[in-house]
Each structure stands twice: as C-alpha cells, then as structure tokens.
C-alpha cells in the first residue's frame, strides 16, 4: 500500500502501474486494485479507476479510462 509501483518489462519498453494500493496473488499470478491507477507504456498514458490483471496470459482489465493512446507508426 501507499506509493505502489509495479513494472512489467516488455520487448519495446516497460509497462508501469502507479497506485496507492495493490493486491497481488502470487499463486495465481494476478494483481488487482479498486484504487486509481496511473498507467504508462511506450504507446499510452492513461488513468484507470481500478485494475485487474492476469500476469500469466497478459490480460488486463481497466475501468473508466481517461488518457491518450499513440500507436507506433
């Protein structure tokens, strides 16, 4: 809790989640929060009102997203 920073390394950079509280489930490799999450990646920066992520298959669920997306050209 408090200043949580979770980082996933990717081939084209990194995906970062900044939030005030994050729950991790090591056995299932899942993370979740109902707090505001600042998300930064090489292609997008946005704010989500919550996050559910499965680190096994890379599935991310964001809620009430606000931000911008810039695809690679």
C-alpha atoms as a PDB file:
ATOM      1  CA  UNK A   1       0.000   0.000   0.000  1.00  0.00           C
ATOM      2  CA  UNK A   2       0.840   3.698  -0.368  1.00  0.00           C
ATOM      3  CA  UNK A   3       3.276   4.532  -3.203  1.00  0.00           C
ATOM      4  CA  UNK A   4       2.997   1.291  -5.209  1.00  0.00           C
ATOM      5  CA  UNK A   5       4.885   0.959  -8.490  1.00  0.00           C
ATOM      6  CA  UNK A   6       4.563  -2.273 -10.471  1.00  0.00           C
ATOM      7  CA  UNK A   7       6.617  -2.662 -13.643  1.00  0.00           C
ATOM      8  CA  UNK A   8       6.392  -5.238 -16.422  1.00  0.00           C
ATOM      9  CA  UNK A   9       9.360  -5.398 -18.794  1.00  0.00           C
ATOM     10  CA  UNK A  10       8.414  -5.797 -22.456  1.00  0.00           C
ATOM     11  CA  UNK A  11      10.345  -6.061 -25.710  1.00  0.00           C
ATOM     12  CA  UNK A  12       9.559  -2.454 -26.664  1.00  0.00           C
ATOM     13  CA  UNK A  13       9.919  -0.862 -23.209  1.00  0.00           C
ATOM     14  CA  UNK A  14       8.054  -1.225 -19.966  1.00  0.00           C
ATOM     15  CA  UNK A  15       4.518  -1.066 -18.655  1.00  0.00           C
ATOM     16  CA  UNK A  16       4.172   0.715 -15.310  1.00  0.00           C
ATOM     17  CA  UNK A  17       1.280   0.863 -12.871  1.00  0.00           C
ATOM     18  CA  UNK A  18       1.338   3.507 -10.125  1.00  0.00           C
ATOM     19  CA  UNK A  19      -1.321   3.366  -7.420  1.00  0.00           C
ATOM     20  CA  UNK A  20      -1.929   3.727  -3.697  1.00  0.00           C
ATOM     21  CA  UNK A  21      -2.875   0.096  -3.029  1.00  0.00           C
ATOM     22  CA  UNK A  22      -2.404  -3.136  -4.962  1.00  0.00           C
ATOM     23  CA  UNK A  23      -3.244  -6.711  -4.034  1.00  0.00           C
ATOM     24  CA  UNK A  24      -1.087  -9.466  -5.519  1.00  0.00           C
ATOM     25  CA  UNK A  25      -1.916 -13.165  -5.613  1.00  0.00           C
ATOM     26  CA  UNK A  26       1.421 -14.969  -6.189  1.00  0.00           C
ATOM     27  CA  UNK A  27      -0.080 -18.453  -6.607  1.00  0.00           C
ATOM     28  CA  UNK A  28      -2.353 -17.372  -9.483  1.00  0.00           C
ATOM     29  CA  UNK A  29      -0.073 -14.506 -10.683  1.00  0.00           C
ATOM     30  CA  UNK A  30      -2.905 -11.985 -10.576  1.00  0.00           C
ATOM     31  CA  UNK A  31      -2.988  -8.407  -9.313  1.00  0.00           C
ATOM     32  CA  UNK A  32      -5.916  -6.096  -8.637  1.00  0.00           C
ATOM     33  CA  UNK A  33      -6.933  -2.795  -7.102  1.00  0.00           C
ATOM     34  CA  UNK A  34     -10.037  -0.629  -6.893  1.00  0.00           C
ATOM     35  CA  UNK A  35      -7.894   2.492  -6.476  1.00  0.00           C
ATOM     36  CA  UNK A  36      -6.889   4.981  -9.178  1.00  0.00           C
ATOM     37  CA  UNK A  37      -4.047   3.624 -11.327  1.00  0.00           C
ATOM     38  CA  UNK A  38      -1.695   5.712 -13.493  1.00  0.00           C
ATOM     39  CA  UNK A  39      -0.639   3.532 -16.416  1.00  0.00           C
ATOM     40  CA  UNK A  40       2.408   4.353 -18.565  1.00  0.00           C
ATOM     41  CA  UNK A  41       3.649   2.376 -21.551  1.00  0.00           C
ATOM     42  CA  UNK A  42       5.583   3.210 -24.722  1.00  0.00           C
ATOM     43  CA  UNK A  43       2.279   3.717 -26.613  1.00  0.00           C
ATOM     44  CA  UNK A  44      -0.133   5.051 -23.997  1.00  0.00           C
ATOM     45  CA  UNK A  45      -0.509   7.040 -20.801  1.00  0.00           C
ATOM     46  CA  UNK A  46      -3.843   6.920 -19.007  1.00  0.00           C
ATOM     47  CA  UNK A  47      -5.612   6.798 -15.674  1.00  0.00           C
ATOM     48  CA  UNK A  48      -7.899   3.916 -14.728  1.00  0.00           C
ATOM     49  CA  UNK A  49     -10.318   3.650 -11.822  1.00  0.00           C
ATOM     50  CA  UNK A  50      -9.181   0.152 -10.927  1.00  0.00           C
ATOM     51  CA  UNK A  51      -7.260  -2.726 -12.456  1.00  0.00           C
ATOM     52  CA  UNK A  52      -7.427  -6.493 -12.725  1.00  0.00           C
ATOM     53  CA  UNK A  53      -4.507  -8.249 -14.376  1.00  0.00           C
ATOM     54  CA  UNK A  54      -3.572 -11.841 -15.099  1.00  0.00           C
ATOM     55  CA  UNK A  55       0.206 -11.955 -15.437  1.00  0.00           C
ATOM     56  CA  UNK A  56       0.101 -15.494 -16.877  1.00  0.00           C
ATOM     57  CA  UNK A  57      -1.597 -14.512 -20.126  1.00  0.00           C
ATOM     58  CA  UNK A  58      -1.153 -10.707 -20.142  1.00  0.00           C
ATOM     59  CA  UNK A  59      -4.871  -9.945 -19.853  1.00  0.00           C
ATOM     60  CA  UNK A  60      -5.547  -6.513 -18.317  1.00  0.00           C
ATOM     61  CA  UNK A  61      -8.917  -5.096 -17.350  1.00  0.00           C
ATOM     62  CA  UNK A  62      -9.145  -1.333 -16.786  1.00  0.00           C
ATOM     63  CA  UNK A  63     -12.145   0.690 -15.597  1.00  0.00           C
ATOM     64  CA  UNK A  64     -13.285   4.219 -16.600  1.00  0.00           C
ATOM     65  CA  UNK A  65     -10.134   5.007 -18.589  1.00  0.00           C
ATOM     66  CA  UNK A  66      -9.025   8.577 -19.275  1.00  0.00           C
ATOM     67  CA  UNK A  67      -5.897   9.275 -21.302  1.00  0.00           C
ATOM     68  CA  UNK A  68      -4.272   9.109 -24.720  1.00  0.00           C
ATOM     69  CA  UNK A  69      -3.034   6.355 -26.974  1.00  0.00           C
ATOM     70  CA  UNK A  70      -0.294   6.838 -29.567  1.00  0.00           C
ATOM     71  CA  UNK A  71       0.226   3.757 -31.747  1.00  0.00           C
ATOM     72  CA  UNK A  72       3.672   3.129 -33.263  1.00  0.00           C
ATOM     73  CA  UNK A  73       3.928   4.450 -36.799  1.00  0.00           C
END
